[in-house]
Amino acid sequence: QVQLVESGGGLVQAGGSLRLSCAASGPTFSINAMGWYRQAPGKERELVATITTGSTANYADSVKGRFTISRDNAKNLLSLQMNSLKPEDTAVYYCNAQGTWGVNFNSWGQGTQVTVSS
């Protein structure tokens, strides 16, 4: 099973930037798509951005033009550069990896808190 560990969250003022990282370990060669999701208090977890092994990215409309997802397959590292942050971006951000290792898997990290103050 693939393990994921996020880092880089914190407190930032509106308009500021943060960069999240996710380190993957285990059978990382079995990963197909990776992505970032977030969950705000009282809300369901939602997709932020995903990226395939071939670096095709997909973004939620709410973050397009502000967030950039990237993937370093050689280092097993997933990143999310977040610019022009807004208070509504406040949430716990989760790293996700999907692939096949005998069976299909859907792995999650423990989450990292991002708080944007107004």
Protein backbone atom coordinates (compact mmCIF):
# COMPACT_ATOMS: atom_id res chain seq x y z
CA GLN A 1 0.00 0.00 0.00
CA VAL A 2 1.21 3.50 -0.82
CA GLN A 3 1.76 5.84 2.14
CA LEU A 4 1.40 9.61 1.84
CA VAL A 5 2.69 12.36 4.15
CA GLU A 6 1.73 16.00 3.64
CA SER A 7 3.61 19.06 4.81
CA GLY A 8 3.60 22.81 4.27
CA GLY A 9 0.31 23.95 5.73
CA GLY A 10 -0.01 26.94 8.00
CA LEU A 11 -1.55 30.34 8.62
CA VAL A 12 -1.35 33.02 5.94
CA GLN A 13 -3.06 36.33 5.26
CA ALA A 14 -5.45 36.72 2.35
CA GLY A 15 -3.52 37.31 -0.86
CA GLY A 16 -0.55 35.32 0.37
CA SER A 17 0.96 32.06 -0.84
CA LEU A 18 1.68 28.60 0.52
CA ARG A 19 3.22 25.51 -0.98
CA LEU A 20 2.05 22.06 0.07
CA SER A 21 4.10 18.94 -0.44
CA CYS A 22 3.19 15.25 -0.32
CA ALA A 23 5.84 12.55 -0.08
CA ALA A 24 4.84 9.12 -1.31
CA SER A 25 6.45 5.84 -0.23
CA GLY A 26 5.86 2.16 -0.85
CA PRO A 27 5.05 0.77 -4.30
CA THR A 28 4.95 4.23 -5.87
CA PHE A 29 5.43 2.79 -9.36
CA SER A 30 1.83 1.54 -9.07
CA ILE A 31 0.42 5.07 -8.75
CA ASN A 32 -1.59 6.41 -11.65
CA ALA A 33 -3.29 9.65 -10.65
CA MET A 34 -2.49 11.84 -7.65
CA GLY A 35 -4.35 14.81 -6.33
CA TRP A 36 -5.19 17.28 -3.61
CA TYR A 37 -8.55 17.46 -1.88
CA ARG A 38 -9.75 19.71 0.92
CA GLN A 39 -12.37 19.67 3.62
CA ALA A 40 -13.61 22.77 5.38
CA PRO A 41 -15.45 22.59 8.71
CA GLY A 42 -19.01 21.39 8.22
CA LYS A 43 -18.47 20.66 4.53
CA GLU A 44 -17.77 17.58 2.46
CA ARG A 45 -14.33 16.80 1.11
CA GLU A 46 -13.89 18.32 -2.34
CA LEU A 47 -11.44 18.00 -5.20
CA VAL A 48 -8.86 20.75 -5.55
CA ALA A 49 -6.60 19.43 -8.32
CA THR A 50 -5.46 16.16 -9.83
CA ILE A 51 -2.55 15.18 -12.03
CA THR A 52 -1.81 12.03 -14.02
CA THR A 53 1.50 10.23 -14.44
CA GLY A 54 1.87 12.10 -17.71
CA SER A 55 1.34 15.44 -15.89
CA THR A 56 -2.11 16.19 -17.22
CA ALA A 57 -3.66 18.46 -14.59
CA ASN A 58 -7.26 19.17 -13.69
CA TYR A 59 -8.45 21.92 -11.34
CA ALA A 60 -11.59 22.86 -9.50
CA ASP A 61 -13.07 26.05 -10.93
CA SER A 62 -12.60 27.78 -7.57
CA VAL A 63 -8.80 27.47 -7.74
CA LYS A 64 -8.08 27.78 -11.46
CA GLY A 65 -5.47 30.43 -12.15
CA ARG A 66 -4.40 30.55 -8.50
CA PHE A 67 -3.21 27.02 -7.69
CA THR A 68 -0.70 24.88 -9.56
CA ILE A 69 -0.29 21.15 -9.05
CA SER A 70 2.96 19.45 -9.97
CA ARG A 71 4.47 16.01 -9.67
CA ASP A 72 8.07 14.79 -9.52
CA ASN A 73 7.87 11.09 -10.30
CA ALA A 74 11.59 10.56 -9.72
CA LYS A 75 11.34 11.94 -6.17
CA ASN A 76 7.83 10.56 -5.50
CA LEU A 77 6.75 14.08 -4.57
CA LEU A 78 3.48 15.87 -5.22
CA SER A 79 3.21 19.63 -4.73
CA LEU A 80 0.51 22.29 -4.70
CA GLN A 81 1.52 25.92 -5.11
CA MET A 82 -1.26 28.12 -3.80
CA ASN A 83 -1.22 31.83 -4.66
CA SER A 84 -3.70 34.64 -4.06
CA LEU A 85 -5.18 32.72 -1.17
CA LYS A 86 -8.66 33.61 0.05
CA PRO A 87 -10.35 32.97 3.42
CA GLU A 88 -12.61 30.46 1.68
CA ASP A 89 -9.53 28.34 0.91
CA THR A 90 -9.28 27.57 4.63
CA ALA A 91 -9.52 23.80 5.06
CA VAL A 92 -7.62 20.64 5.81
CA TYR A 93 -5.84 19.63 2.62
CA TYR A 94 -5.37 15.94 1.83
CA CYS A 95 -3.04 14.23 -0.60
CA ASN A 96 -4.50 11.34 -2.59
CA ALA A 97 -3.02 8.59 -4.75
CA GLN A 98 -4.87 6.06 -6.87
CA GLY A 99 -3.47 3.07 -8.69
CA THR A 100 -3.32 -0.68 -8.94
CA TRP A 101 -1.13 -2.96 -6.83
CA GLY A 102 -2.75 -6.34 -7.09
CA VAL A 103 -6.03 -4.56 -6.47
CA ASN A 104 -7.11 -1.00 -7.03
CA PHE A 105 -6.14 1.31 -4.15
CA ASN A 106 -7.10 4.81 -3.10
CA SER A 107 -4.65 6.14 -0.49
CA TRP A 108 -4.94 9.29 1.63
CA GLY A 109 -2.49 11.29 3.69
CA GLN A 110 -3.25 12.49 7.20
CA GLY A 111 -4.02 16.04 6.06
CA THR A 112 -2.46 19.44 6.65
CA GLN A 113 -4.29 22.53 7.89
CA VAL A 114 -4.37 25.67 5.77
CA THR A 115 -5.84 28.77 7.38
CA VAL A 116 -6.26 32.03 5.47
CA SER A 117 -7.05 35.09 7.54
CA SER A 118 -8.91 38.10 6.15
